[in-house]
Amino acid sequence: GRRDQDDAEFFATATQVINNLEKELKRVPAKERTHWKALEIGCGPGRLMRPMSRHFAEIHGIDVSDEMIARATENLRETPNAFAHVGDGSRLSQFEDASIDFIYSYAVFQHIPSRDVVLEYLGEIQRVLKPGGLARLQLNGLPLIGDDQYTTWSGARFSSQELLEFTAGRDIQVLALEGAGTQYMWTTWRKQPAGWHSRMNGRTFDSTPCRIRRITNATSSEPVAPSRGRFASISVWVENLPSDAGLHHLRVMIGEYLGTIIYIGPPDNVGLQQLTVILPDLEATGLLPVELRWVDAPLAPPTTLR
């Protein structure tokens, strides 16, 4: 945050990112994470690893800088389940296939100038994740420019559509894709078995108990939303959402218009899951029908949005 920080202040700057990561861990009950192994890509001096270590039986960090790994080793000397490694800058060769339960990365990919290197890392993440494992990753989502203009400060950029195409080809369930068009685009993945994406495209629901229980403004929680502008987004609270629902297959229609789902939350204490949906610019106002679909098929009875 500034020069000449002491250690306490430096580690305190991790709070907001830690909250972001811990929110995603709620997708899996704590009792099921007892033996989980985690990995941070671009761990630096261990600022995130130290507080995140409390959630895992084992946590690893990898960084291209041997200086940063030396500092991380020192900062983690009293954290016996944390291990820091020097990496080669594009692969996760220290880790076997399907060996990690949770992978995260923050403020790393946004500084890598080579799109190919970032894509290689993303492929490696899919390789080392266990089936059912989660990844929470931050990338640069600013509008694309020429490849020769990327630097180690303003790194390679990716569109949300690129990430959806990349993950579809690797059977990854996308649970979040937030901040598209900004430098801080976050995505959450769950690894699925080979062939999962094709099977989900053809999935049918003869009789589903899925229901939309309420719709609120995503910003104010009021039961009304503006038809356009920066606050035109809603939270759709869904009961019995299929566990394999993701951004590739789930649709929210507002009247005749397609909303953009950016987040599928974990079940809350009464079993409802939050879908955060950005509204398109709507011409109509008043009461509009809202329908939840699996690709083109209705998934739940329609309701209304004011």
C-alpha atoms as a PDB file:
ATOM      1  CA  GLY A   1       0.000   0.000   0.000  1.00  0.00           C
ATOM      2  CA  ARG A   2       2.866   2.417   0.680  1.00  0.00           C
ATOM      3  CA  ARG A   3       6.589   2.491   1.291  1.00  0.00           C
ATOM      4  CA  ASP A   4       8.091   1.607   4.670  1.00  0.00           C
ATOM      5  CA  GLN A   5       5.156  -0.481   5.885  1.00  0.00           C
ATOM      6  CA  ASP A   6       5.843  -2.636   8.894  1.00  0.00           C
ATOM      7  CA  ASP A   7       4.952  -6.336   8.704  1.00  0.00           C
ATOM      8  CA  ALA A   8       1.678  -5.969  10.610  1.00  0.00           C
ATOM      9  CA  GLU A   9       0.397  -3.275   8.273  1.00  0.00           C
ATOM     10  CA  PHE A  10       1.548  -5.177   5.183  1.00  0.00           C
ATOM     11  CA  PHE A  11      -0.220  -8.395   6.191  1.00  0.00           C
ATOM     12  CA  ALA A  12      -3.352  -6.419   7.156  1.00  0.00           C
ATOM     13  CA  THR A  13      -3.702  -5.257   3.537  1.00  0.00           C
ATOM     14  CA  ALA A  14      -4.695  -8.825   2.630  1.00  0.00           C
ATOM     15  CA  THR A  15      -8.032  -8.630   4.481  1.00  0.00           C
ATOM     16  CA  GLN A  16     -10.274  -7.779   1.536  1.00  0.00           C
ATOM     17  CA  VAL A  17      -8.770 -10.459  -0.709  1.00  0.00           C
ATOM     18  CA  ILE A  18      -8.978 -13.056   2.064  1.00  0.00           C
ATOM     19  CA  ASN A  19     -12.688 -12.255   2.509  1.00  0.00           C
ATOM     20  CA  ASN A  20     -13.163 -12.764  -1.233  1.00  0.00           C
ATOM     21  CA  LEU A  21     -11.474 -16.179  -1.140  1.00  0.00           C
ATOM     22  CA  GLU A  22     -13.198 -17.351   2.035  1.00  0.00           C
ATOM     23  CA  LYS A  23     -16.582 -16.544   0.480  1.00  0.00           C
ATOM     24  CA  GLU A  24     -15.850 -19.126  -2.222  1.00  0.00           C
ATOM     25  CA  LEU A  25     -14.804 -21.758   0.328  1.00  0.00           C
ATOM     26  CA  LYS A  26     -18.387 -21.699   1.639  1.00  0.00           C
ATOM     27  CA  ARG A  27     -19.326 -23.729  -1.444  1.00  0.00           C
ATOM     28  CA  VAL A  28     -17.973 -26.768   0.409  1.00  0.00           C
ATOM     29  CA  PRO A  29     -18.860 -27.470   4.091  1.00  0.00           C
ATOM     30  CA  ALA A  30     -15.888 -27.038   6.432  1.00  0.00           C
ATOM     31  CA  LYS A  31     -16.119 -30.653   7.610  1.00  0.00           C
ATOM     32  CA  GLU A  32     -15.571 -31.788   3.998  1.00  0.00           C
ATOM     33  CA  ARG A  33     -12.434 -29.609   3.701  1.00  0.00           C
ATOM     34  CA  THR A  34     -10.602 -31.195   6.629  1.00  0.00           C
ATOM     35  CA  HIS A  35      -7.931 -32.785   4.420  1.00  0.00           C
ATOM     36  CA  TRP A  36      -7.930 -30.243   1.591  1.00  0.00           C
ATOM     37  CA  LYS A  37      -4.716 -29.118  -0.075  1.00  0.00           C
ATOM     38  CA  ALA A  38      -4.482 -25.569  -1.496  1.00  0.00           C
ATOM     39  CA  LEU A  39      -2.165 -23.776  -3.924  1.00  0.00           C
ATOM     40  CA  GLU A  40      -1.513 -20.076  -4.497  1.00  0.00           C
ATOM     41  CA  ILE A  41      -0.044 -19.059  -7.861  1.00  0.00           C
ATOM     42  CA  GLY A  42       2.193 -16.007  -7.468  1.00  0.00           C
ATOM     43  CA  CYS A  43       2.403 -16.166  -3.683  1.00  0.00           C
ATOM     44  CA  GLY A  44       5.032 -13.414  -3.299  1.00  0.00           C
ATOM     45  CA  PRO A  45       6.174 -13.155   0.328  1.00  0.00           C
ATOM     46  CA  GLY A  46       3.250 -15.187   1.686  1.00  0.00           C
ATOM     47  CA  ARG A  47       0.856 -12.334   2.448  1.00  0.00           C
ATOM     48  CA  LEU A  48      -2.219 -14.411   1.544  1.00  0.00           C
ATOM     49  CA  MET A  49      -0.847 -17.844   2.382  1.00  0.00           C
ATOM     50  CA  ARG A  50      -0.396 -17.128   6.075  1.00  0.00           C
ATOM     51  CA  PRO A  51      -4.068 -16.325   6.844  1.00  0.00           C
ATOM     52  CA  MET A  52      -5.406 -18.825   4.278  1.00  0.00           C
ATOM     53  CA  SER A  53      -3.411 -21.658   5.870  1.00  0.00           C
ATOM     54  CA  ARG A  54      -5.997 -21.997   8.661  1.00  0.00           C
ATOM     55  CA  HIS A  55      -8.500 -23.470   6.223  1.00  0.00           C
ATOM     56  CA  PHE A  56      -6.390 -26.338   4.886  1.00  0.00           C
ATOM     57  CA  ALA A  57      -4.411 -29.342   5.980  1.00  0.00           C
ATOM     58  CA  GLU A  58      -1.682 -28.215   3.589  1.00  0.00           C
ATOM     59  CA  ILE A  59      -1.100 -25.065   1.550  1.00  0.00           C
ATOM     60  CA  HIS A  60       1.530 -24.452  -1.134  1.00  0.00           C
ATOM     61  CA  GLY A  61       2.668 -21.294  -2.854  1.00  0.00           C
ATOM     62  CA  ILE A  62       4.609 -20.895  -6.083  1.00  0.00           C
ATOM     63  CA  ASP A  63       6.380 -17.813  -7.418  1.00  0.00           C
ATOM     64  CA  VAL A  64       8.845 -17.102 -10.232  1.00  0.00           C
ATOM     65  CA  SER A  65      11.013 -14.958  -7.905  1.00  0.00           C
ATOM     66  CA  ASP A  66      13.476 -16.778  -5.667  1.00  0.00           C
ATOM     67  CA  GLU A  67      13.727 -13.578  -3.594  1.00  0.00           C
ATOM     68  CA  MET A  68       9.980 -13.646  -2.916  1.00  0.00           C
ATOM     69  CA  ILE A  69      10.116 -17.343  -2.015  1.00  0.00           C
ATOM     70  CA  ALA A  70      12.954 -16.653   0.432  1.00  0.00           C
ATOM     71  CA  ARG A  71      10.804 -13.992   2.093  1.00  0.00           C
ATOM     72  CA  ALA A  72       7.758 -16.263   2.079  1.00  0.00           C
ATOM     73  CA  THR A  73       9.743 -19.038   3.742  1.00  0.00           C
ATOM     74  CA  GLU A  74      10.751 -16.628   6.486  1.00  0.00           C
ATOM     75  CA  ASN A  75       7.223 -15.216   6.913  1.00  0.00           C
ATOM     76  CA  LEU A  76       5.757 -18.731   7.091  1.00  0.00           C
ATOM     77  CA  ARG A  77       8.334 -20.190   9.482  1.00  0.00           C
ATOM     78  CA  GLU A  78       5.666 -20.517  12.208  1.00  0.00           C
ATOM     79  CA  THR A  79       3.074 -21.976   9.827  1.00  0.00           C
ATOM     80  CA  PRO A  80       4.015 -25.671   9.623  1.00  0.00           C
ATOM     81  CA  ASN A  81       1.427 -26.603   6.981  1.00  0.00           C
ATOM     82  CA  ALA A  82       2.603 -23.924   4.483  1.00  0.00           C
ATOM     83  CA  PHE A  83       5.266 -24.523   1.819  1.00  0.00           C
ATOM     84  CA  ALA A  84       6.705 -22.075  -0.731  1.00  0.00           C
ATOM     85  CA  HIS A  85       8.314 -23.123  -4.039  1.00  0.00           C
ATOM     86  CA  VAL A  86      10.166 -21.394  -6.864  1.00  0.00           C
ATOM     87  CA  GLY A  87       8.332 -21.940 -10.160  1.00  0.00           C
ATOM     88  CA  ASP A  88       9.391 -21.671 -13.784  1.00  0.00           C
ATOM     89  CA  GLY A  89       6.878 -18.953 -14.699  1.00  0.00           C
ATOM     90  CA  SER A  90       4.319 -20.911 -16.725  1.00  0.00           C
ATOM     91  CA  ARG A  91       3.835 -24.440 -15.345  1.00  0.00           C
ATOM     92  CA  LEU A  92       2.960 -26.206 -12.114  1.00  0.00           C
ATOM     93  CA  SER A  93       5.356 -29.079 -12.669  1.00  0.00           C
ATOM     94  CA  GLN A  94       5.905 -29.631  -8.912  1.00  0.00           C
ATOM     95  CA  PHE A  95       2.314 -30.838  -8.604  1.00  0.00           C
ATOM     96  CA  GLU A  96       0.805 -34.074  -9.878  1.00  0.00           C
ATOM     97  CA  ASP A  97      -2.405 -34.414 -11.850  1.00  0.00           C
ATOM     98  CA  ALA A  98      -5.565 -34.085  -9.728  1.00  0.00           C
ATOM     99  CA  SER A  99      -3.602 -33.354  -6.539  1.00  0.00           C
ATOM    100  CA  ILE A 100      -4.972 -29.962  -5.360  1.00  0.00           C
ATOM    101  CA  ASP A 101      -8.431 -29.145  -3.956  1.00  0.00           C
ATOM    102  CA  PHE A 102      -8.360 -25.318  -4.076  1.00  0.00           C
ATOM    103  CA  ILE A 103      -6.258 -23.013  -6.264  1.00  0.00           C
ATOM    104  CA  TYR A 104      -6.256 -19.235  -6.136  1.00  0.00           C
ATOM    105  CA  SER A 105      -4.340 -16.338  -7.650  1.00  0.00           C
ATOM    106  CA  TYR A 106      -4.566 -12.579  -7.169  1.00  0.00           C
ATOM    107  CA  ALA A 107      -2.713  -9.683  -8.883  1.00  0.00           C
ATOM    108  CA  VAL A 108      -0.488 -12.099 -10.833  1.00  0.00           C
ATOM    109  CA  PHE A 109      -2.009 -12.907 -14.233  1.00  0.00           C
ATOM    110  CA  GLN A 110      -2.804  -9.195 -14.744  1.00  0.00           C
ATOM    111  CA  HIS A 111       0.979  -8.534 -14.885  1.00  0.00           C
ATOM    112  CA  ILE A 112       1.975 -11.326 -17.293  1.00  0.00           C
ATOM    113  CA  PRO A 113       2.479  -9.834 -20.780  1.00  0.00           C
ATOM    114  CA  SER A 114       2.177 -13.123 -22.682  1.00  0.00           C
ATOM    115  CA  ARG A 115      -1.324 -14.456 -23.331  1.00  0.00           C
ATOM    116  CA  ASP A 116       0.195 -17.868 -24.101  1.00  0.00           C
ATOM    117  CA  VAL A 117       1.819 -18.021 -20.657  1.00  0.00           C
ATOM    118  CA  VAL A 118      -1.449 -17.136 -18.902  1.00  0.00           C
ATOM    119  CA  LEU A 119      -3.311 -19.735 -20.961  1.00  0.00           C
ATOM    120  CA  GLU A 120      -0.673 -22.339 -20.086  1.00  0.00           C
ATOM    121  CA  TYR A 121      -1.159 -21.564 -16.394  1.00  0.00           C
ATOM    122  CA  LEU A 122      -4.951 -21.913 -16.795  1.00  0.00           C
ATOM    123  CA  GLY A 123      -4.491 -25.276 -18.471  1.00  0.00           C
ATOM    124  CA  GLU A 124      -2.169 -26.355 -15.674  1.00  0.00           C
ATOM    125  CA  ILE A 125      -4.793 -25.334 -13.114  1.00  0.00           C
ATOM    126  CA  GLN A 126      -7.295 -27.651 -14.781  1.00  0.00           C
ATOM    127  CA  ARG A 127      -4.699 -30.431 -14.769  1.00  0.00           C
ATOM    128  CA  VAL A 128      -3.742 -30.302 -11.092  1.00  0.00           C
ATOM    129  CA  LEU A 129      -7.236 -29.672  -9.694  1.00  0.00           C
ATOM    130  CA  LYS A 130      -8.981 -32.694  -8.259  1.00  0.00           C
ATOM    131  CA  PRO A 131     -12.422 -33.491  -9.715  1.00  0.00           C
ATOM    132  CA  GLY A 132     -14.806 -31.298  -7.750  1.00  0.00           C
ATOM    133  CA  GLY A 133     -11.951 -28.964  -6.781  1.00  0.00           C
ATOM    134  CA  LEU A 134     -12.343 -25.179  -6.914  1.00  0.00           C
ATOM    135  CA  ALA A 135     -10.281 -22.344  -8.379  1.00  0.00           C
ATOM    136  CA  ARG A 136     -10.688 -18.618  -7.668  1.00  0.00           C
ATOM    137  CA  LEU A 137      -8.662 -16.539 -10.122  1.00  0.00           C
ATOM    138  CA  GLN A 138      -8.228 -12.855 -10.953  1.00  0.00           C
ATOM    139  CA  LEU A 139      -7.319 -11.749 -14.474  1.00  0.00           C
ATOM    140  CA  ASN A 140      -7.134  -8.538 -16.482  1.00  0.00           C
ATOM    141  CA  GLY A 141     -10.494  -8.112 -18.204  1.00  0.00           C
ATOM    142  CA  LEU A 142      -9.890  -4.699 -19.784  1.00  0.00           C
ATOM    143  CA  PRO A 143     -10.661  -4.379 -23.528  1.00  0.00           C
ATOM    144  CA  LEU A 144      -8.167  -6.213 -25.724  1.00  0.00           C
ATOM    145  CA  ILE A 145      -5.252  -4.416 -27.383  1.00  0.00           C
ATOM    146  CA  GLY A 146      -2.431  -5.628 -29.617  1.00  0.00           C
ATOM    147  CA  ASP A 147      -0.297  -8.411 -28.158  1.00  0.00           C
ATOM    148  CA  ASP A 148       2.869  -6.342 -28.609  1.00  0.00           C
ATOM    149  CA  GLN A 149       1.507  -3.610 -26.304  1.00  0.00           C
ATOM    150  CA  TYR A 150       1.261  -5.720 -23.168  1.00  0.00           C
ATOM    151  CA  THR A 151       3.908  -5.114 -20.485  1.00  0.00           C
ATOM    152  CA  THR A 152       4.748  -6.569 -17.090  1.00  0.00           C
ATOM    153  CA  TRP A 153       2.662  -3.810 -15.503  1.00  0.00           C
ATOM    154  CA  SER A 154      -0.267  -3.844 -17.929  1.00  0.00           C
ATOM    155  CA  GLY A 155      -0.411  -7.558 -18.657  1.00  0.00           C
ATOM    156  CA  ALA A 156      -2.333  -9.605 -21.211  1.00  0.00           C
ATOM    157  CA  ARG A 157      -6.099  -9.167 -21.272  1.00  0.00           C
ATOM    158  CA  PHE A 158      -8.969 -11.618 -21.627  1.00  0.00           C
ATOM    159  CA  SER A 159     -12.640 -11.192 -22.423  1.00  0.00           C
ATOM    160  CA  SER A 160     -15.348 -13.023 -20.518  1.00  0.00           C
ATOM    161  CA  GLN A 161     -16.301 -14.833 -23.731  1.00  0.00           C
ATOM    162  CA  GLU A 162     -12.733 -16.133 -24.119  1.00  0.00           C
ATOM    163  CA  LEU A 163     -12.815 -17.582 -20.621  1.00  0.00           C
ATOM    164  CA  LEU A 164     -16.174 -19.242 -21.225  1.00  0.00           C
ATOM    165  CA  GLU A 165     -14.865 -20.840 -24.426  1.00  0.00           C
ATOM    166  CA  PHE A 166     -11.644 -21.940 -22.722  1.00  0.00           C
ATOM    167  CA  THR A 167     -13.457 -23.559 -19.799  1.00  0.00           C
ATOM    168  CA  ALA A 168     -16.096 -25.245 -21.971  1.00  0.00           C
ATOM    169  CA  GLY A 169     -13.352 -27.091 -23.812  1.00  0.00           C
ATOM    170  CA  ARG A 170     -11.903 -28.338 -20.531  1.00  0.00           C
ATOM    171  CA  ASP A 171     -15.096 -29.420 -18.740  1.00  0.00           C
ATOM    172  CA  ILE A 172     -14.935 -26.657 -16.142  1.00  0.00           C
ATOM    173  CA  GLN A 173     -18.130 -25.481 -14.441  1.00  0.00           C
ATOM    174  CA  VAL A 174     -17.952 -21.679 -14.224  1.00  0.00           C
ATOM    175  CA  LEU A 175     -19.632 -20.389 -11.061  1.00  0.00           C
ATOM    176  CA  ALA A 176     -18.586 -16.737 -11.261  1.00  0.00           C
ATOM    177  CA  LEU A 177     -17.285 -14.292 -13.842  1.00  0.00           C
ATOM    178  CA  GLU A 178     -17.343 -10.868 -12.206  1.00  0.00           C
ATOM    179  CA  GLY A 179     -15.788  -7.574 -13.244  1.00  0.00           C
ATOM    180  CA  ALA A 180     -15.731  -8.229 -16.992  1.00  0.00           C
ATOM    181  CA  GLY A 181     -14.296  -5.190 -18.769  1.00  0.00           C
ATOM    182  CA  THR A 182     -12.178  -4.200 -15.749  1.00  0.00           C
ATOM    183  CA  GLN A 183      -8.620  -4.868 -14.624  1.00  0.00           C
ATOM    184  CA  TYR A 184      -9.927  -6.970 -11.742  1.00  0.00           C
ATOM    185  CA  MET A 185     -12.001  -9.704 -13.382  1.00  0.00           C
ATOM    186  CA  TRP A 186     -12.625 -12.634 -11.026  1.00  0.00           C
ATOM    187  CA  THR A 187     -13.728 -16.107 -11.996  1.00  0.00           C
ATOM    188  CA  THR A 188     -14.602 -19.211  -9.960  1.00  0.00           C
ATOM    189  CA  TRP A 189     -14.262 -22.695 -11.453  1.00  0.00           C
ATOM    190  CA  ARG A 190     -15.187 -26.203 -10.396  1.00  0.00           C
ATOM    191  CA  LYS A 191     -13.459 -29.069 -12.201  1.00  0.00           C
ATOM    192  CA  GLN A 192     -15.792 -31.670 -13.694  1.00  0.00           C
ATOM    193  CA  PRO A 193     -15.160 -35.128 -15.236  1.00  0.00           C
ATOM    194  CA  ALA A 194     -14.205 -35.478 -18.898  1.00  0.00           C
ATOM    195  CA  GLY A 195     -17.186 -35.064 -21.236  1.00  0.00           C
ATOM    196  CA  TRP A 196     -19.227 -33.161 -18.655  1.00  0.00           C
ATOM    197  CA  HIS A 197     -19.857 -30.087 -20.808  1.00  0.00           C
ATOM    198  CA  SER A 198     -21.370 -32.086 -23.686  1.00  0.00           C
ATOM    199  CA  ARG A 199     -23.579 -34.065 -21.319  1.00  0.00           C
ATOM    200  CA  MET A 200     -24.856 -30.873 -19.716  1.00  0.00           C
ATOM    201  CA  ASN A 201     -25.748 -29.342 -23.092  1.00  0.00           C
ATOM    202  CA  GLY A 202     -28.165 -32.207 -23.684  1.00  0.00           C
ATOM    203  CA  ARG A 203     -29.474 -32.514 -20.137  1.00  0.00           C
ATOM    204  CA  THR A 204     -33.259 -32.568 -19.672  1.00  0.00           C
ATOM    205  CA  PHE A 205     -35.445 -31.998 -16.619  1.00  0.00           C
ATOM    206  CA  ASP A 206     -38.691 -33.970 -16.722  1.00  0.00           C
ATOM    207  CA  SER A 207     -39.790 -32.843 -13.295  1.00  0.00           C
ATOM    208  CA  THR A 208     -37.747 -30.396 -11.280  1.00  0.00           C
ATOM    209  CA  PRO A 209     -38.510 -28.813  -7.901  1.00  0.00           C
ATOM    210  CA  CYS A 210     -36.396 -25.777  -8.824  1.00  0.00           C
ATOM    211  CA  ARG A 211     -38.161 -22.506  -7.883  1.00  0.00           C
ATOM    212  CA  ILE A 212     -37.416 -18.782  -7.891  1.00  0.00           C
ATOM    213  CA  ARG A 213     -38.314 -17.716  -4.363  1.00  0.00           C
ATOM    214  CA  ARG A 214     -37.642 -13.973  -4.643  1.00  0.00           C
ATOM    215  CA  ILE A 215     -35.937 -11.313  -6.759  1.00  0.00           C
ATOM    216  CA  THR A 216     -34.258  -8.255  -5.282  1.00  0.00           C
ATOM    217  CA  ASN A 217     -32.147  -5.344  -6.424  1.00  0.00           C
ATOM    218  CA  ALA A 218     -28.532  -6.580  -6.258  1.00  0.00           C
ATOM    219  CA  THR A 219     -27.407  -3.289  -4.706  1.00  0.00           C
ATOM    220  CA  SER A 220     -30.195  -2.320  -2.289  1.00  0.00           C
ATOM    221  CA  SER A 221     -32.071  -5.625  -1.712  1.00  0.00           C
ATOM    222  CA  GLU A 222     -35.364  -3.858  -2.580  1.00  0.00           C
ATOM    223  CA  PRO A 223     -37.894  -5.790  -4.728  1.00  0.00           C
ATOM    224  CA  VAL A 224     -37.439  -3.378  -7.659  1.00  0.00           C
ATOM    225  CA  ALA A 225     -34.661  -2.629 -10.161  1.00  0.00           C
ATOM    226  CA  PRO A 226     -33.926   0.184 -12.650  1.00  0.00           C
ATOM    227  CA  SER A 227     -34.371  -0.758 -16.294  1.00  0.00           C
ATOM    228  CA  ARG A 228     -30.911   0.523 -17.272  1.00  0.00           C
ATOM    229  CA  GLY A 229     -27.746   2.124 -15.893  1.00  0.00           C
ATOM    230  CA  ARG A 230     -25.027   1.099 -13.461  1.00  0.00           C
ATOM    231  CA  PHE A 231     -27.474  -0.198 -10.832  1.00  0.00           C
ATOM    232  CA  ALA A 232     -29.516  -2.313 -13.261  1.00  0.00           C
ATOM    233  CA  SER A 233     -28.716  -5.676 -11.696  1.00  0.00           C
ATOM    234  CA  ILE A 234     -30.730  -8.154  -9.669  1.00  0.00           C
ATOM    235  CA  SER A 235     -30.294 -11.039  -7.259  1.00  0.00           C
ATOM    236  CA  VAL A 236     -32.448 -14.045  -8.117  1.00  0.00           C
ATOM    237  CA  TRP A 237     -32.846 -16.358  -5.117  1.00  0.00           C
ATOM    238  CA  VAL A 238     -33.359 -19.943  -6.291  1.00  0.00           C
ATOM    239  CA  GLU A 239     -34.405 -23.072  -4.420  1.00  0.00           C
ATOM    240  CA  ASN A 240     -33.093 -26.497  -5.493  1.00  0.00           C
ATOM    241  CA  LEU A 241     -30.807 -25.211  -8.209  1.00  0.00           C
ATOM    242  CA  PRO A 242     -29.090 -28.210  -9.896  1.00  0.00           C
ATOM    243  CA  SER A 243     -25.607 -28.684  -8.434  1.00  0.00           C
ATOM    244  CA  ASP A 244     -23.994 -28.685 -11.886  1.00  0.00           C
ATOM    245  CA  ALA A 245     -25.574 -25.374 -12.947  1.00  0.00           C
ATOM    246  CA  GLY A 246     -22.987 -22.965 -14.300  1.00  0.00           C
ATOM    247  CA  LEU A 247     -22.643 -19.937 -16.532  1.00  0.00           C
ATOM    248  CA  HIS A 248     -22.392 -22.095 -19.667  1.00  0.00           C
ATOM    249  CA  HIS A 249     -25.868 -23.574 -19.327  1.00  0.00           C
ATOM    250  CA  LEU A 250     -27.945 -21.355 -17.054  1.00  0.00           C
ATOM    251  CA  ARG A 251     -30.003 -18.476 -18.522  1.00  0.00           C
ATOM    252  CA  VAL A 252     -32.151 -15.750 -16.984  1.00  0.00           C
ATOM    253  CA  MET A 253     -34.668 -14.115 -19.323  1.00  0.00           C
ATOM    254  CA  ILE A 254     -36.259 -10.778 -18.425  1.00  0.00           C
ATOM    255  CA  GLY A 255     -39.198 -10.502 -20.770  1.00  0.00           C
ATOM    256  CA  GLU A 256     -37.690 -11.129 -24.206  1.00  0.00           C
ATOM    257  CA  TYR A 257     -34.212 -10.082 -23.096  1.00  0.00           C
ATOM    258  CA  LEU A 258     -31.282 -12.194 -21.878  1.00  0.00           C
ATOM    259  CA  GLY A 259     -29.648 -11.117 -18.646  1.00  0.00           C
ATOM    260  CA  THR A 260     -25.965 -11.719 -17.913  1.00  0.00           C
ATOM    261  CA  ILE A 261     -25.375 -14.045 -14.957  1.00  0.00           C
ATOM    262  CA  ILE A 262     -22.084 -13.149 -13.271  1.00  0.00           C
ATOM    263  CA  TYR A 263     -22.285 -15.109 -10.013  1.00  0.00           C
ATOM    264  CA  ILE A 264     -23.867 -18.306  -8.704  1.00  0.00           C
ATOM    265  CA  GLY A 265     -23.565 -18.383  -4.938  1.00  0.00           C
ATOM    266  CA  PRO A 266     -23.372 -21.304  -2.514  1.00  0.00           C
ATOM    267  CA  PRO A 267     -26.573 -22.383  -0.718  1.00  0.00           C
ATOM    268  CA  ASP A 268     -27.451 -20.165   2.249  1.00  0.00           C
ATOM    269  CA  ASN A 269     -28.701 -21.443   5.608  1.00  0.00           C
ATOM    270  CA  VAL A 270     -32.172 -22.188   4.178  1.00  0.00           C
ATOM    271  CA  GLY A 271     -30.899 -23.706   0.936  1.00  0.00           C
ATOM    272  CA  LEU A 272     -31.402 -20.750  -1.422  1.00  0.00           C
ATOM    273  CA  GLN A 273     -28.726 -19.828  -3.959  1.00  0.00           C
ATOM    274  CA  GLN A 274     -28.152 -16.319  -5.235  1.00  0.00           C
ATOM    275  CA  LEU A 275     -27.796 -15.620  -8.944  1.00  0.00           C
ATOM    276  CA  THR A 276     -26.423 -12.138  -9.614  1.00  0.00           C
ATOM    277  CA  VAL A 277     -27.707 -10.952 -12.986  1.00  0.00           C
ATOM    278  CA  ILE A 278     -26.814  -7.789 -14.907  1.00  0.00           C
ATOM    279  CA  LEU A 279     -29.852  -6.528 -16.793  1.00  0.00           C
ATOM    280  CA  PRO A 280     -29.697  -5.523 -20.447  1.00  0.00           C
ATOM    281  CA  ASP A 281     -30.953  -2.045 -21.357  1.00  0.00           C
ATOM    282  CA  LEU A 282     -34.694  -2.596 -21.135  1.00  0.00           C
ATOM    283  CA  GLU A 283     -37.228  -0.645 -23.180  1.00  0.00           C
ATOM    284  CA  ALA A 284     -40.163  -1.933 -21.143  1.00  0.00           C
ATOM    285  CA  THR A 285     -40.926  -0.916 -17.558  1.00  0.00           C
ATOM    286  CA  GLY A 286     -43.480  -2.081 -15.001  1.00  0.00           C
ATOM    287  CA  LEU A 287     -43.881  -5.772 -14.192  1.00  0.00           C
ATOM    288  CA  LEU A 288     -41.754  -7.997 -16.450  1.00  0.00           C
ATOM    289  CA  PRO A 289     -41.722 -11.810 -16.515  1.00  0.00           C
ATOM    290  CA  VAL A 290     -38.514 -13.504 -15.352  1.00  0.00           C
ATOM    291  CA  GLU A 291     -37.723 -17.045 -16.458  1.00  0.00           C
ATOM    292  CA  LEU A 292     -34.893 -19.351 -15.426  1.00  0.00           C
ATOM    293  CA  ARG A 293     -33.719 -21.699 -18.207  1.00  0.00           C
ATOM    294  CA  TRP A 294     -31.228 -24.484 -18.780  1.00  0.00           C
ATOM    295  CA  VAL A 295     -29.926 -23.470 -22.219  1.00  0.00           C
ATOM    296  CA  ASP A 296     -33.290 -23.173 -24.040  1.00  0.00           C
ATOM    297  CA  ALA A 297     -35.508 -25.272 -21.759  1.00  0.00           C
ATOM    298  CA  PRO A 298     -37.462 -23.805 -18.818  1.00  0.00           C
ATOM    299  CA  LEU A 299     -35.945 -24.817 -15.495  1.00  0.00           C
ATOM    300  CA  ALA A 300     -38.359 -23.176 -13.046  1.00  0.00           C
ATOM    301  CA  PRO A 301     -41.821 -21.601 -13.198  1.00  0.00           C
ATOM    302  CA  PRO A 302     -41.610 -17.924 -14.249  1.00  0.00           C
ATOM    303  CA  THR A 303     -42.076 -15.038 -11.835  1.00  0.00           C
ATOM    304  CA  THR A 304     -42.105 -11.257 -12.177  1.00  0.00           C
ATOM    305  CA  LEU A 305     -39.710  -8.347 -11.670  1.00  0.00           C
ATOM    306  CA  ARG A 306     -40.803  -4.769 -11.098  1.00  0.00           C
END
